[in-house]
């Protein structure tokens, strides 16, 4: 999702990678209206949680001197998550 990429650039970076601030998600929605605000927020926050989980695993593996995969699992993981969310939405 292009919106995730744009919002991801707004995350705080310090000693560790932080979550996308809710205020930035809200500001994004003011410029780019979405048909269902709650659904958009749910998608972004779940994708962000998964992204942070993957990045933390990469960081842990580097700190443990374990060779890391140079491929990007983010795209596949995000697509799988979107597919699951879509299935859950249609079954409701």
N, C-alpha and C. Protein backbone atom coordinates (compact mmCIF):
# COMPACT_ATOMS: atom_id res chain seq x y z
N UNK A 1 0.84 -1.18 0.00
CA UNK A 1 0.00 0.00 0.00
C UNK A 1 0.88 1.24 0.00
N UNK A 2 0.63 2.12 -0.91
CA UNK A 2 1.41 3.35 -1.01
C UNK A 2 1.26 4.20 0.25
N UNK A 3 0.08 4.20 0.82
CA UNK A 3 -0.16 5.00 2.03
C UNK A 3 0.72 4.53 3.19
N UNK A 4 0.93 3.21 3.30
CA UNK A 4 1.79 2.71 4.37
C UNK A 4 3.22 3.21 4.19
N UNK A 5 3.68 3.21 2.96
CA UNK A 5 5.03 3.70 2.68
C UNK A 5 5.19 5.17 3.04
N UNK A 6 4.18 5.97 2.70
CA UNK A 6 4.24 7.40 3.03
C UNK A 6 4.21 7.62 4.54
N UNK A 7 3.33 6.90 5.22
CA UNK A 7 3.22 7.05 6.66
C UNK A 7 4.42 6.48 7.39
N UNK A 8 5.00 5.45 6.84
CA UNK A 8 6.16 4.81 7.47
C UNK A 8 7.33 5.79 7.60
N UNK A 9 7.42 6.70 6.67
CA UNK A 9 8.49 7.70 6.72
C UNK A 9 8.31 8.68 7.88
N UNK A 10 7.13 8.69 8.49
CA UNK A 10 6.83 9.62 9.59
C UNK A 10 7.13 9.02 10.97
N UNK A 11 7.54 7.76 11.00
CA UNK A 11 7.76 7.11 12.30
C UNK A 11 8.97 7.71 13.01
N UNK A 12 8.93 7.77 14.35
CA UNK A 12 10.07 8.28 15.09
C UNK A 12 11.22 7.26 15.07
N UNK A 13 12.41 7.77 14.94
CA UNK A 13 13.58 6.90 14.94
C UNK A 13 14.53 7.42 16.00
N UNK A 14 14.84 6.56 16.94
CA UNK A 14 15.76 6.93 18.02
C UNK A 14 16.64 5.73 18.28
N UNK A 15 16.67 5.30 19.53
CA UNK A 15 17.42 4.10 19.88
C UNK A 15 16.79 2.87 19.24
N UNK A 16 15.49 2.94 19.01
CA UNK A 16 14.76 1.85 18.37
C UNK A 16 13.72 2.45 17.43
N UNK A 17 13.29 1.66 16.50
CA UNK A 17 12.26 2.09 15.56
C UNK A 17 10.93 2.19 16.29
N UNK A 18 10.19 3.29 16.07
CA UNK A 18 8.91 3.48 16.74
C UNK A 18 7.74 3.29 15.79
N UNK A 19 6.57 3.19 16.37
CA UNK A 19 5.34 3.04 15.60
C UNK A 19 4.98 4.35 14.91
N UNK A 20 4.21 4.24 13.84
CA UNK A 20 3.71 5.43 13.15
C UNK A 20 2.78 6.17 14.11
N UNK A 21 3.01 7.44 14.36
CA UNK A 21 2.14 8.19 15.28
C UNK A 21 0.70 8.29 14.74
N UNK A 22 -0.25 8.13 15.66
CA UNK A 22 -1.67 8.21 15.29
C UNK A 22 -1.99 9.58 14.69
N UNK A 23 -1.35 10.62 15.19
CA UNK A 23 -1.62 11.96 14.67
C UNK A 23 -1.25 12.06 13.19
N UNK A 24 -0.23 11.33 12.77
CA UNK A 24 0.16 11.34 11.36
C UNK A 24 -0.83 10.55 10.51
N UNK A 25 -1.38 9.47 11.07
CA UNK A 25 -2.41 8.71 10.34
C UNK A 25 -3.64 9.60 10.16
N UNK A 26 -4.02 10.31 11.22
CA UNK A 26 -5.17 11.22 11.16
C UNK A 26 -4.93 12.33 10.14
N UNK A 27 -3.74 12.90 10.14
CA UNK A 27 -3.41 13.96 9.18
C UNK A 27 -3.46 13.43 7.76
N UNK A 28 -3.00 12.22 7.54
CA UNK A 28 -3.04 11.61 6.21
C UNK A 28 -4.50 11.51 5.73
N UNK A 29 -5.37 11.08 6.63
CA UNK A 29 -6.78 10.92 6.27
C UNK A 29 -7.46 12.26 5.95
N UNK A 30 -6.94 13.35 6.50
CA UNK A 30 -7.50 14.66 6.19
C UNK A 30 -7.19 15.06 4.75
N UNK A 31 -6.03 14.62 4.25
CA UNK A 31 -5.63 14.94 2.88
C UNK A 31 -6.11 13.91 1.87
N UNK A 32 -6.19 12.66 2.29
CA UNK A 32 -6.59 11.56 1.41
C UNK A 32 -7.75 10.82 2.04
N UNK A 33 -8.96 11.30 1.84
CA UNK A 33 -10.12 10.66 2.45
C UNK A 33 -10.24 9.18 2.07
N UNK A 34 -10.69 8.39 3.00
CA UNK A 34 -10.85 6.94 2.84
C UNK A 34 -12.31 6.63 3.13
N UNK A 35 -12.86 5.65 2.44
CA UNK A 35 -14.29 5.34 2.59
C UNK A 35 -14.65 4.85 3.99
N UNK A 36 -13.71 4.27 4.70
CA UNK A 36 -13.95 3.76 6.06
C UNK A 36 -12.72 4.07 6.91
N UNK A 37 -12.82 5.13 7.71
CA UNK A 37 -11.67 5.58 8.50
C UNK A 37 -11.18 4.50 9.47
N UNK A 38 -12.10 3.84 10.15
CA UNK A 38 -11.72 2.81 11.11
C UNK A 38 -10.98 1.67 10.43
N UNK A 39 -11.46 1.28 9.25
CA UNK A 39 -10.80 0.21 8.50
C UNK A 39 -9.38 0.62 8.11
N UNK A 40 -9.21 1.84 7.63
CA UNK A 40 -7.90 2.33 7.24
C UNK A 40 -6.95 2.34 8.43
N UNK A 41 -7.41 2.86 9.56
CA UNK A 41 -6.57 2.90 10.76
C UNK A 41 -6.20 1.48 11.18
N UNK A 42 -7.15 0.56 11.11
CA UNK A 42 -6.89 -0.84 11.45
C UNK A 42 -5.82 -1.43 10.53
N UNK A 43 -5.96 -1.23 9.23
CA UNK A 43 -4.97 -1.74 8.27
C UNK A 43 -3.58 -1.18 8.55
N UNK A 44 -3.50 0.13 8.71
CA UNK A 44 -2.19 0.76 8.91
C UNK A 44 -1.55 0.31 10.22
N UNK A 45 -2.32 0.29 11.30
CA UNK A 45 -1.73 -0.10 12.59
C UNK A 45 -1.33 -1.57 12.60
N UNK A 46 -2.11 -2.43 11.97
CA UNK A 46 -1.73 -3.86 11.91
C UNK A 46 -0.51 -4.06 11.03
N UNK A 47 -0.46 -3.39 9.90
CA UNK A 47 0.70 -3.49 9.02
C UNK A 47 1.94 -2.94 9.74
N UNK A 48 1.76 -1.86 10.47
CA UNK A 48 2.87 -1.26 11.19
C UNK A 48 3.37 -2.20 12.28
N UNK A 49 2.46 -2.83 13.00
CA UNK A 49 2.86 -3.78 14.04
C UNK A 49 3.67 -4.93 13.44
N UNK A 50 3.20 -5.44 12.32
CA UNK A 50 3.91 -6.53 11.66
C UNK A 50 5.28 -6.06 11.16
N UNK A 51 5.33 -4.88 10.59
CA UNK A 51 6.58 -4.30 10.11
C UNK A 51 7.59 -4.18 11.26
N UNK A 52 7.13 -3.64 12.39
CA UNK A 52 8.01 -3.48 13.54
C UNK A 52 8.48 -4.83 14.07
N UNK A 53 7.59 -5.81 14.07
CA UNK A 53 7.95 -7.16 14.51
C UNK A 53 9.06 -7.73 13.64
N UNK A 54 8.92 -7.59 12.34
CA UNK A 54 9.93 -8.10 11.40
C UNK A 54 11.25 -7.35 11.57
N UNK A 55 11.18 -6.03 11.70
CA UNK A 55 12.39 -5.24 11.87
C UNK A 55 13.10 -5.59 13.18
N UNK A 56 12.33 -5.83 14.23
CA UNK A 56 12.93 -6.21 15.51
C UNK A 56 13.61 -7.58 15.42
N UNK A 57 13.00 -8.50 14.69
CA UNK A 57 13.62 -9.82 14.50
C UNK A 57 14.92 -9.68 13.72
N UNK A 58 14.92 -8.82 12.70
CA UNK A 58 16.15 -8.58 11.93
C UNK A 58 17.22 -8.00 12.83
N UNK A 59 16.84 -7.04 13.65
CA UNK A 59 17.78 -6.39 14.56
C UNK A 59 18.32 -7.40 15.56
N UNK A 60 17.46 -8.25 16.12
CA UNK A 60 17.89 -9.27 17.07
C UNK A 60 18.86 -10.24 16.43
N UNK A 61 18.57 -10.63 15.19
CA UNK A 61 19.45 -11.59 14.52
C UNK A 61 20.81 -10.97 14.23
N UNK A 62 20.85 -9.69 13.90
CA UNK A 62 22.13 -9.01 13.67
C UNK A 62 22.91 -8.89 14.97
N UNK A 63 22.22 -8.59 16.06
CA UNK A 63 22.88 -8.46 17.35
C UNK A 63 23.43 -9.79 17.85
N UNK A 64 22.80 -10.89 17.43
CA UNK A 64 23.25 -12.22 17.83
C UNK A 64 24.25 -12.80 16.84
N UNK A 65 24.69 -11.99 15.90
CA UNK A 65 25.65 -12.40 14.88
C UNK A 65 25.12 -13.55 14.01
N UNK A 66 23.82 -13.63 13.90
CA UNK A 66 23.19 -14.62 13.05
C UNK A 66 23.03 -14.02 11.66
N UNK A 67 23.42 -14.74 10.61
CA UNK A 67 23.25 -14.18 9.27
C UNK A 67 21.78 -13.87 9.00
N UNK A 68 21.53 -12.69 8.45
CA UNK A 68 20.15 -12.30 8.17
C UNK A 68 19.84 -12.47 6.68
N UNK A 69 18.59 -12.60 6.39
CA UNK A 69 18.13 -12.71 5.01
C UNK A 69 18.14 -11.31 4.41
N UNK A 70 18.84 -11.12 3.31
CA UNK A 70 18.89 -9.80 2.69
C UNK A 70 17.65 -9.50 1.86
N UNK A 71 16.78 -10.49 1.66
CA UNK A 71 15.53 -10.26 0.93
C UNK A 71 14.59 -9.45 1.79
N UNK A 72 13.54 -8.95 1.19
CA UNK A 72 12.57 -8.15 1.92
C UNK A 72 11.28 -8.93 2.13
N UNK A 73 11.08 -9.51 3.32
CA UNK A 73 9.85 -10.24 3.59
C UNK A 73 8.66 -9.34 3.84
N UNK A 74 8.89 -8.04 3.91
CA UNK A 74 7.83 -7.10 4.25
C UNK A 74 6.68 -7.17 3.25
N UNK A 75 6.98 -7.15 1.99
CA UNK A 75 5.94 -7.13 0.97
C UNK A 75 5.05 -8.36 1.06
N UNK A 76 5.65 -9.54 1.15
CA UNK A 76 4.86 -10.77 1.25
C UNK A 76 4.05 -10.80 2.54
N UNK A 77 4.66 -10.40 3.64
CA UNK A 77 3.97 -10.40 4.93
C UNK A 77 2.78 -9.44 4.91
N UNK A 78 3.00 -8.26 4.35
CA UNK A 78 1.91 -7.28 4.30
C UNK A 78 0.77 -7.79 3.42
N UNK A 79 1.11 -8.43 2.28
CA UNK A 79 0.08 -8.95 1.39
C UNK A 79 -0.71 -10.06 2.09
N UNK A 80 -0.03 -10.94 2.80
CA UNK A 80 -0.71 -12.01 3.53
C UNK A 80 -1.64 -11.42 4.58
N UNK A 81 -1.18 -10.39 5.26
CA UNK A 81 -2.00 -9.78 6.29
C UNK A 81 -3.22 -9.10 5.68
N UNK A 82 -3.03 -8.42 4.56
CA UNK A 82 -4.17 -7.78 3.90
C UNK A 82 -5.18 -8.82 3.43
N UNK A 83 -4.69 -9.95 2.93
CA UNK A 83 -5.58 -11.03 2.50
C UNK A 83 -6.39 -11.56 3.68
N UNK A 84 -5.74 -11.75 4.82
CA UNK A 84 -6.44 -12.23 6.02
C UNK A 84 -7.47 -11.22 6.49
N UNK A 85 -7.09 -9.95 6.48
CA UNK A 85 -8.03 -8.90 6.91
C UNK A 85 -9.24 -8.84 5.96
N UNK A 86 -9.00 -9.00 4.68
CA UNK A 86 -10.09 -8.98 3.71
C UNK A 86 -11.01 -10.17 3.92
N UNK A 87 -10.45 -11.33 4.21
CA UNK A 87 -11.26 -12.53 4.47
C UNK A 87 -12.11 -12.34 5.71
N UNK A 88 -11.50 -11.77 6.76
CA UNK A 88 -12.24 -11.52 8.00
C UNK A 88 -13.36 -10.51 7.78
N UNK A 89 -13.09 -9.50 6.96
CA UNK A 89 -14.10 -8.45 6.69
C UNK A 89 -15.29 -9.03 5.94
N UNK A 90 -15.04 -9.94 4.98
CA UNK A 90 -16.14 -10.51 4.19
C UNK A 90 -16.93 -11.55 4.99
N UNK A 91 -16.30 -12.16 6.00
CA UNK A 91 -17.00 -13.16 6.78
C UNK A 91 -17.86 -12.55 7.88
N UNK A 92 -17.72 -11.24 8.11
CA UNK A 92 -18.50 -10.58 9.17
C UNK A 92 -19.92 -10.33 8.75
